[in-house]
Every structure is written in C-alpha cells, then in structure tokens.
PDB file of N, CA and C in Angstrom:
ATOM      1  N   MET A   1     133.427 -34.991 231.175  1.00  0.00           N
ATOM      2  CA  MET A   1     133.294 -34.223 229.956  1.00  0.00           C
ATOM      3  C   MET A   1     131.876 -33.662 229.920  1.00  0.00           C
ATOM      4  N   SER A   2     131.775 -32.393 229.570  1.00  0.00           N
ATOM      5  CA  SER A   2     130.446 -31.789 229.515  1.00  0.00           C
ATOM      6  C   SER A   2     130.128 -31.379 228.082  1.00  0.00           C
ATOM      7  N   ASN A   3     128.902 -31.555 227.732  1.00  0.00           N
ATOM      8  CA  ASN A   3     128.439 -31.126 226.406  1.00  0.00           C
ATOM      9  C   ASN A   3     127.806 -29.756 226.546  1.00  0.00           C
ATOM     10  N   THR A   4     128.346 -28.804 225.826  1.00  0.00           N
ATOM     11  CA  THR A   4     127.812 -27.454 225.864  1.00  0.00           C
ATOM     12  C   THR A   4     127.386 -27.059 224.460  1.00  0.00           C
ATOM     13  N   PHE A   5     126.185 -26.573 224.386  1.00  0.00           N
ATOM     14  CA  PHE A   5     125.670 -26.109 223.096  1.00  0.00           C
ATOM     15  C   PHE A   5     125.477 -24.610 223.194  1.00  0.00           C
ATOM     16  N   LYS A   6     126.067 -23.921 222.257  1.00  0.00           N
ATOM     17  CA  LYS A   6     125.894 -22.479 222.205  1.00  0.00           C
ATOM     18  C   LYS A   6     125.033 -22.143 221.000  1.00  0.00           C
ATOM     19  N   GLN A   7     124.133 -21.247 221.234  1.00  0.00           N
ATOM     20  CA  GLN A   7     123.278 -20.803 220.137  1.00  0.00           C
ATOM     21  C   GLN A   7     123.525 -19.315 219.925  1.00  0.00           C
ATOM     22  N   GLU A   8     123.845 -18.970 218.705  1.00  0.00           N
ATOM     23  CA  GLU A   8     124.049 -17.557 218.394  1.00  0.00           C
ATOM     24  C   GLU A   8     122.710 -16.847 218.430  1.00  0.00           C
ATOM     25  N   LYS A   9     122.755 -15.603 218.873  1.00  0.00           N
ATOM     26  CA  LYS A   9     121.539 -14.798 218.844  1.00  0.00           C
ATOM     27  C   LYS A   9     121.293 -14.377 217.406  1.00  0.00           C
ATOM     28  N   LEU A  10     120.133 -14.685 216.920  1.00  0.00           N
ATOM     29  CA  LEU A  10     119.797 -14.327 215.544  1.00  0.00           C
ATOM     30  C   LEU A  10     119.042 -13.003 215.546  1.00  0.00           C
ATOM     31  N   THR A  11     119.560 -12.055 214.803  1.00  0.00           N
ATOM     32  CA  THR A  11     118.893 -10.764 214.730  1.00  0.00           C
ATOM     33  C   THR A  11     118.501 -10.396 213.308  1.00  0.00           C
ATOM     34  N   ASP A  12     119.116 -11.017 212.343  1.00  0.00           N
ATOM     35  CA  ASP A  12     118.846 -10.649 210.957  1.00  0.00           C
ATOM     36  C   ASP A  12     118.131 -11.797 210.257  1.00  0.00           C
ATOM     37  N   PHE A  13     116.857 -11.992 210.617  1.00  0.00           N
ATOM     38  CA  PHE A  13     116.078 -13.048 209.987  1.00  0.00           C
ATOM     39  C   PHE A  13     114.622 -12.618 209.902  1.00  0.00           C
ATOM     40  N   THR A  14     113.854 -13.311 209.095  1.00  0.00           N
ATOM     41  CA  THR A  14     112.449 -13.010 208.889  1.00  0.00           C
ATOM     42  C   THR A  14     111.630 -14.252 209.168  1.00  0.00           C
ATOM     43  N   VAL A  15     110.576 -14.097 209.953  1.00  0.00           N
ATOM     44  CA  VAL A  15     109.669 -15.200 210.235  1.00  0.00           C
ATOM     45  C   VAL A  15     108.463 -15.048 209.314  1.00  0.00           C
ATOM     46  N   ILE A  16     108.172 -16.109 208.565  1.00  0.00           N
ATOM     47  CA  ILE A  16     107.076 -16.072 207.592  1.00  0.00           C
ATOM     48  C   ILE A  16     106.174 -17.273 207.818  1.00  0.00           C
ATOM     49  N   ARG A  17     104.875 -17.043 207.842  1.00  0.00           N
ATOM     50  CA  ARG A  17     103.931 -18.147 207.999  1.00  0.00           C
ATOM     51  C   ARG A  17     104.053 -19.105 206.813  1.00  0.00           C
ATOM     52  N   ASN A  18     103.983 -20.379 207.083  1.00  0.00           N
ATOM     53  CA  ASN A  18     104.078 -21.388 206.032  1.00  0.00           C
ATOM     54  C   ASN A  18     102.880 -21.372 205.092  1.00  0.00           C
ATOM     55  N   SER A  19     101.781 -20.790 205.520  1.00  0.00           N
ATOM     56  CA  SER A  19     100.565 -20.809 204.690  1.00  0.00           C
ATOM     57  C   SER A  19     100.784 -20.173 203.321  1.00  0.00           C
ATOM     58  N   ILE A  20     101.625 -19.158 203.243  1.00  0.00           N
ATOM     59  CA  ILE A  20     101.876 -18.534 201.938  1.00  0.00           C
ATOM     60  C   ILE A  20     102.594 -19.502 201.004  1.00  0.00           C
ATOM     61  N   PHE A  21     103.450 -20.353 201.557  1.00  0.00           N
ATOM     62  CA  PHE A  21     104.171 -21.318 200.731  1.00  0.00           C
ATOM     63  C   PHE A  21     103.278 -22.469 200.289  1.00  0.00           C
ATOM     64  N   LYS A  22     102.237 -22.730 201.055  1.00  0.00           N
ATOM     65  CA  LYS A  22     101.314 -23.823 200.734  1.00  0.00           C
ATOM     66  C   LYS A  22     100.168 -23.380 199.832  1.00  0.00           C
ATOM     67  N   ASP A  23     100.063 -22.079 199.580  1.00  0.00           N
ATOM     68  CA  ASP A  23      98.991 -21.541 198.747  1.00  0.00           C
ATOM     69  C   ASP A  23      99.293 -21.831 197.278  1.00  0.00           C
ATOM     70  N   LYS A  24      98.599 -22.792 196.715  1.00  0.00           N
ATOM     71  CA  LYS A  24      98.850 -23.208 195.333  1.00  0.00           C
ATOM     72  C   LYS A  24      98.333 -22.210 194.302  1.00  0.00           C
ATOM     73  N   THR A  25      97.586 -21.205 194.742  1.00  0.00           N
ATOM     74  CA  THR A  25      97.095 -20.203 193.797  1.00  0.00           C
ATOM     75  C   THR A  25      98.151 -19.146 193.492  1.00  0.00           C
ATOM     76  N   LEU A  26      99.227 -19.124 194.269  1.00  0.00           N
ATOM     77  CA  LEU A  26     100.291 -18.147 194.062  1.00  0.00           C
ATOM     78  C   LEU A  26     101.452 -18.733 193.275  1.00  0.00           C
ATOM     79  N   SER A  27     102.016 -17.931 192.414  1.00  0.00           N
ATOM     80  CA  SER A  27     103.204 -18.353 191.680  1.00  0.00           C
ATOM     81  C   SER A  27     104.417 -18.282 192.599  1.00  0.00           C
ATOM     82  N   ILE A  28     105.473 -18.953 192.186  1.00  0.00           N
ATOM     83  CA  ILE A  28     106.732 -18.891 192.921  1.00  0.00           C
ATOM     84  C   ILE A  28     107.226 -17.439 192.975  1.00  0.00           C
ATOM     85  N   LYS A  29     107.047 -16.709 191.894  1.00  0.00           N
ATOM     86  CA  LYS A  29     107.487 -15.317 191.842  1.00  0.00           C
ATOM     87  C   LYS A  29     106.770 -14.478 192.898  1.00  0.00           C
ATOM     88  N   ALA A  30     105.472 -14.663 193.037  1.00  0.00           N
ATOM     89  CA  ALA A  30     104.706 -13.906 194.030  1.00  0.00           C
ATOM     90  C   ALA A  30     105.119 -14.290 195.444  1.00  0.00           C
ATOM     91  N   LYS A  31     105.362 -15.574 195.667  1.00  0.00           N
ATOM     92  CA  LYS A  31     105.807 -16.020 196.986  1.00  0.00           C
ATOM     93  C   LYS A  31     107.161 -15.397 197.331  1.00  0.00           C
ATOM     94  N   GLY A  32     108.054 -15.355 196.359  1.00  0.00           N
ATOM     95  CA  GLY A  32     109.356 -14.731 196.566  1.00  0.00           C
ATOM     96  C   GLY A  32     109.241 -13.245 196.839  1.00  0.00           C
ATOM     97  N   MET A  33     108.335 -12.584 196.133  1.00  0.00           N
ATOM     98  CA  MET A  33     108.128 -11.159 196.351  1.00  0.00           C
ATOM     99  C   MET A  33     107.583 -10.911 197.755  1.00  0.00           C
ATOM    100  N   ALA A  34     106.680 -11.760 198.213  1.00  0.00           N
ATOM    101  CA  ALA A  34     106.144 -11.627 199.567  1.00  0.00           C
ATOM    102  C   ALA A  34     107.270 -11.748 200.590  1.00  0.00           C
ATOM    103  N   CYS A  35     108.150 -12.705 200.377  1.00  0.00           N
ATOM    104  CA  CYS A  35     109.293 -12.876 201.285  1.00  0.00           C
ATOM    105  C   CYS A  35     110.182 -11.648 201.260  1.00  0.00           C
ATOM    106  N   GLN A  36     110.434 -11.116 200.089  1.00  0.00           N
ATOM    107  CA  GLN A  36     111.271  -9.917 199.962  1.00  0.00           C
ATOM    108  C   GLN A  36     110.629  -8.749 200.703  1.00  0.00           C
ATOM    109  N   LEU A  37     109.329  -8.545 200.518  1.00  0.00           N
ATOM    110  CA  LEU A  37     108.641  -7.446 201.182  1.00  0.00           C
ATOM    111  C   LEU A  37     108.695  -7.594 202.702  1.00  0.00           C
ATOM    112  N   LEU A  38     108.488  -8.816 203.185  1.00  0.00           N
ATOM    113  CA  LEU A  38     108.495  -9.051 204.629  1.00  0.00           C
ATOM    114  C   LEU A  38     109.882  -8.897 205.240  1.00  0.00           C
ATOM    115  N   SER A  39     110.914  -9.035 204.429  1.00  0.00           N
ATOM    116  CA  SER A  39     112.280  -8.931 204.948  1.00  0.00           C
ATOM    117  C   SER A  39     112.768  -7.486 205.063  1.00  0.00           C
ATOM    118  N   LEU A  40     112.041  -6.557 204.471  1.00  0.00           N
ATOM    119  CA  LEU A  40     112.476  -5.159 204.480  1.00  0.00           C
ATOM    120  C   LEU A  40     112.170  -4.494 205.821  1.00  0.00           C
ATOM    121  N   PRO A  41     112.998  -3.545 206.222  1.00  0.00           N
ATOM    122  CA  PRO A  41     112.754  -2.861 207.501  1.00  0.00           C
ATOM    123  C   PRO A  41     111.488  -2.011 207.429  1.00  0.00           C
ATOM    124  N   PRO A  42     110.853  -1.771 208.568  1.00  0.00           N
ATOM    125  CA  PRO A  42     109.600  -1.006 208.571  1.00  0.00           C
ATOM    126  C   PRO A  42     109.748   0.424 208.060  1.00  0.00           C
ATOM    127  N   THR A  43     110.947   0.953 208.078  1.00  0.00           N
ATOM    128  CA  THR A  43     111.176   2.326 207.617  1.00  0.00           C
ATOM    129  C   THR A  43     111.453   2.411 206.122  1.00  0.00           C
ATOM    130  N   TRP A  44     111.501   1.262 205.450  1.00  0.00           N
ATOM    131  CA  TRP A  44     111.823   1.252 204.022  1.00  0.00           C
ATOM    132  C   TRP A  44     110.714   1.929 203.236  1.00  0.00           C
ATOM    133  N   GLU A  45     111.077   2.728 202.256  1.00  0.00           N
ATOM    134  CA  GLU A  45     110.102   3.402 201.393  1.00  0.00           C
ATOM    135  C   GLU A  45     109.704   2.449 200.275  1.00  0.00           C
ATOM    136  N   TYR A  46     108.542   1.844 200.395  1.00  0.00           N
ATOM    137  CA  TYR A  46     108.086   0.839 199.433  1.00  0.00           C
ATOM    138  C   TYR A  46     107.681   1.506 198.123  1.00  0.00           C
ATOM    139  N   SER A  47     108.282   1.042 197.030  1.00  0.00           N
ATOM    140  CA  SER A  47     107.927   1.521 195.698  1.00  0.00           C
ATOM    141  C   SER A  47     108.360   0.471 194.685  1.00  0.00           C
ATOM    142  N   VAL A  48     107.734   0.505 193.523  1.00  0.00           N
ATOM    143  CA  VAL A  48     108.129  -0.415 192.459  1.00  0.00           C
ATOM    144  C   VAL A  48     109.575  -0.153 192.078  1.00  0.00           C
ATOM    145  N   ARG A  49     109.932   1.099 191.946  1.00  0.00           N
ATOM    146  CA  ARG A  49     111.304   1.457 191.591  1.00  0.00           C
ATOM    147  C   ARG A  49     112.300   0.927 192.624  1.00  0.00           C
ATOM    148  N   GLY A  50     111.960   1.038 193.897  1.00  0.00           N
ATOM    149  CA  GLY A  50     112.826   0.532 194.951  1.00  0.00           C
ATOM    150  C   GLY A  50     112.977  -0.979 194.891  1.00  0.00           C
ATOM    151  N   LEU A  51     111.876  -1.684 194.625  1.00  0.00           N
ATOM    152  CA  LEU A  51     111.926  -3.146 194.530  1.00  0.00           C
ATOM    153  C   LEU A  51     112.724  -3.599 193.316  1.00  0.00           C
ATOM    154  N   VAL A  52     112.599  -2.884 192.220  1.00  0.00           N
ATOM    155  CA  VAL A  52     113.410  -3.194 191.031  1.00  0.00           C
ATOM    156  C   VAL A  52     114.887  -3.003 191.369  1.00  0.00           C
ATOM    157  N   GLY A  53     115.188  -1.981 192.154  1.00  0.00           N
ATOM    158  CA  GLY A  53     116.572  -1.682 192.508  1.00  0.00           C
ATOM    159  C   GLY A  53     117.240  -2.734 193.377  1.00  0.00           C
ATOM    160  N   ILE A  54     116.456  -3.497 194.142  1.00  0.00           N
ATOM    161  CA  ILE A  54     117.059  -4.503 195.023  1.00  0.00           C
ATOM    162  C   ILE A  54     116.883  -5.922 194.486  1.00  0.00           C
ATOM    163  N   SER A  55     116.447  -6.021 193.239  1.00  0.00           N
ATOM    164  CA  SER A  55     116.280  -7.351 192.642  1.00  0.00           C
ATOM    165  C   SER A  55     116.888  -7.362 191.249  1.00  0.00           C
ATOM    166  N   ASN A  56     116.840  -8.517 190.610  1.00  0.00           N
ATOM    167  CA  ASN A  56     117.307  -8.570 189.226  1.00  0.00           C
ATOM    168  C   ASN A  56     116.131  -8.678 188.262  1.00  0.00           C
ATOM    169  N   ASP A  57     114.919  -8.429 188.771  1.00  0.00           N
ATOM    170  CA  ASP A  57     113.717  -8.420 187.932  1.00  0.00           C
ATOM    171  C   ASP A  57     113.452  -7.016 187.420  1.00  0.00           C
ATOM    172  N   GLY A  58     112.800  -6.943 186.284  1.00  0.00           N
ATOM    173  CA  GLY A  58     112.429  -5.661 185.731  1.00  0.00           C
ATOM    174  C   GLY A  58     111.128  -5.152 186.319  1.00  0.00           C
ATOM    175  N   GLU A  59     110.758  -3.957 185.899  1.00  0.00           N
ATOM    176  CA  GLU A  59     109.556  -3.312 186.431  1.00  0.00           C
ATOM    177  C   GLU A  59     108.297  -4.123 186.161  1.00  0.00           C
ATOM    178  N   ALA A  60     108.156  -4.680 184.971  1.00  0.00           N
ATOM    179  CA  ALA A  60     106.955  -5.450 184.632  1.00  0.00           C
ATOM    180  C   ALA A  60     106.828  -6.685 185.519  1.00  0.00           C
ATOM    181  N   SER A  61     107.938  -7.341 185.786  1.00  0.00           N
ATOM    182  CA  SER A  61     107.931  -8.531 186.633  1.00  0.00           C
ATOM    183  C   SER A  61     107.552  -8.183 188.075  1.00  0.00           C
ATOM    184  N   VAL A  62     108.131  -7.105 188.591  1.00  0.00           N
ATOM    185  CA  VAL A  62     107.813  -6.669 189.954  1.00  0.00           C
ATOM    186  C   VAL A  62     106.341  -6.284 190.047  1.00  0.00           C
ATOM    187  N   ARG A  63     105.863  -5.522 189.072  1.00  0.00           N
ATOM    188  CA  ARG A  63     104.452  -5.113 189.083  1.00  0.00           C
ATOM    189  C   ARG A  63     103.510  -6.320 189.033  1.00  0.00           C
ATOM    190  N   SER A  64     103.820  -7.314 188.216  1.00  0.00           N
ATOM    191  CA  SER A  64     102.928  -8.472 188.114  1.00  0.00           C
ATOM    192  C   SER A  64     102.927  -9.281 189.410  1.00  0.00           C
ATOM    193  N   ALA A  65     104.058  -9.384 190.081  1.00  0.00           N
ATOM    194  CA  ALA A  65     104.109 -10.090 191.367  1.00  0.00           C
ATOM    195  C   ALA A  65     103.298  -9.342 192.416  1.00  0.00           C
ATOM    196  N   LEU A  66     103.421  -8.027 192.449  1.00  0.00           N
ATOM    197  CA  LEU A  66     102.656  -7.224 193.400  1.00  0.00           C
ATOM    198  C   LEU A  66     101.152  -7.326 193.122  1.00  0.00           C
ATOM    199  N   THR A  67     100.784  -7.278 191.852  1.00  0.00           N
ATOM    200  CA  THR A  67      99.375  -7.403 191.472  1.00  0.00           C
ATOM    201  C   THR A  67      98.822  -8.754 191.897  1.00  0.00           C
ATOM    202  N   GLU A  68      99.589  -9.812 191.696  1.00  0.00           N
ATOM    203  CA  GLU A  68      99.161 -11.154 192.087  1.00  0.00           C
ATOM    204  C   GLU A  68      98.951 -11.235 193.602  1.00  0.00           C
ATOM    205  N   LEU A  69      99.878 -10.680 194.370  1.00  0.00           N
ATOM    206  CA  LEU A  69      99.727 -10.676 195.825  1.00  0.00           C
ATOM    207  C   LEU A  69      98.499  -9.875 196.253  1.00  0.00           C
ATOM    208  N   GLU A  70      98.257  -8.780 195.570  1.00  0.00           N
ATOM    209  CA  GLU A  70      97.094  -7.944 195.881  1.00  0.00           C
ATOM    210  C   GLU A  70      95.793  -8.679 195.551  1.00  0.00           C
ATOM    211  N   GLU A  71      95.742  -9.331 194.398  1.00  0.00           N
ATOM    212  CA  GLU A  71      94.535 -10.055 193.985  1.00  0.00           C
ATOM    213  C   GLU A  71      94.187 -11.201 194.927  1.00  0.00           C
ATOM    214  N   HIS A  72      95.202 -11.779 195.580  1.00  0.00           N
ATOM    215  CA  HIS A  72      94.970 -12.904 196.480  1.00  0.00           C
ATOM    216  C   HIS A  72      94.900 -12.488 197.947  1.00  0.00           C
ATOM    217  N   GLY A  73      94.885 -11.192 198.198  1.00  0.00           N
ATOM    218  CA  GLY A  73      94.689 -10.686 199.546  1.00  0.00           C
ATOM    219  C   GLY A  73      95.916 -10.653 200.439  1.00  0.00           C
ATOM    220  N   TYR A  74      97.103 -10.811 199.875  1.00  0.00           N
ATOM    221  CA  TYR A  74      98.328 -10.777 200.665  1.00  0.00           C
ATOM    222  C   TYR A  74      98.935  -9.381 200.735  1.00  0.00           C
ATOM    223  N   LEU A  75      98.436  -8.463 199.932  1.00  0.00           N
ATOM    224  CA  LEU A  75      99.015  -7.128 199.856  1.00  0.00           C
ATOM    225  C   LEU A  75      97.891  -6.122 199.676  1.00  0.00           C
ATOM    226  N   ARG A  76      98.033  -5.015 200.395  1.00  0.00           N
ATOM    227  CA  ARG A  76      97.112  -3.888 200.204  1.00  0.00           C
ATOM    228  C   ARG A  76      97.973  -2.676 199.910  1.00  0.00           C
ATOM    229  N   ARG A  77      97.694  -2.059 198.790  1.00  0.00           N
ATOM    230  CA  ARG A  77      98.497  -0.880 198.400  1.00  0.00           C
ATOM    231  C   ARG A  77      97.698   0.384 198.662  1.00  0.00           C
ATOM    232  N   GLU A  78      98.395   1.365 199.200  1.00  0.00           N
ATOM    233  CA  GLU A  78      97.814   2.675 199.428  1.00  0.00           C
ATOM    234  C   GLU A  78      98.778   3.723 198.877  1.00  0.00           C
ATOM    235  N   GLN A  79      98.228   4.738 198.291  1.00  0.00           N
ATOM    236  CA  GLN A  79      99.065   5.807 197.768  1.00  0.00           C
ATOM    237  C   GLN A  79      98.952   7.000 198.693  1.00  0.00           C
ATOM    238  N   ASN A  80     100.076   7.429 199.209  1.00  0.00           N
ATOM    239  CA  ASN A  80     100.093   8.593 200.103  1.00  0.00           C
ATOM    240  C   ASN A  80     100.620   9.785 199.341  1.00  0.00           C
ATOM    241  N   ARG A  81      99.903  10.874 199.433  1.00  0.00           N
ATOM    242  CA  ARG A  81     100.348  12.109 198.786  1.00  0.00           C
ATOM    243  C   ARG A  81     100.616  13.128 199.859  1.00  0.00           C
ATOM    244  N   GLU A  82     101.720  13.781 199.730  1.00  0.00           N
ATOM    245  CA  GLU A  82     102.085  14.780 200.733  1.00  0.00           C
ATOM    246  C   GLU A  82     101.795  16.178 200.236  1.00  0.00           C
TER     247      GLU A  82
END
C-alpha cells in the first residue's frame, strides 16, 4: 500500500506578513482593510468608492481605515490626474 499526498495548486490566495497582525497600534478594521487591499489585483482601480462597493462598510468607515493605515506607514496615497 502506498501513501500518496496530492496538493492542489493554489492560485487564488494572498500572502501577508504577520507583522501587520501583531501591530497593536492598528485596529482590527485597519488590519482587515490592509488584507482587502493586498488581495486586489494589480490592475484594480483603487478608490474609496470602489472599496465601499466591495465591502459592507460605508464611506466614512473605509476612509477612517485608510487614514489609519496611512498614519502608521502601511499605505501611501497618491492622486493621479490625467
């Protein structure tokens, strides 16, 4: 009898450093927002409106999470004008 272990190829996952989860200065909401941002594809158009659209949080909640991440150095926002 042979033991065979098969491992599925994982393609739809996000790798996140544990340091963000261990940072006690961040709220759970900010940590969750960081995870959400990291899970988005690189071609995604980042905006508050877009983040509100993919969550059940309102605009004020999304903005406060983004501000918290920015204040703690986890996020840098730039505005591009075309």
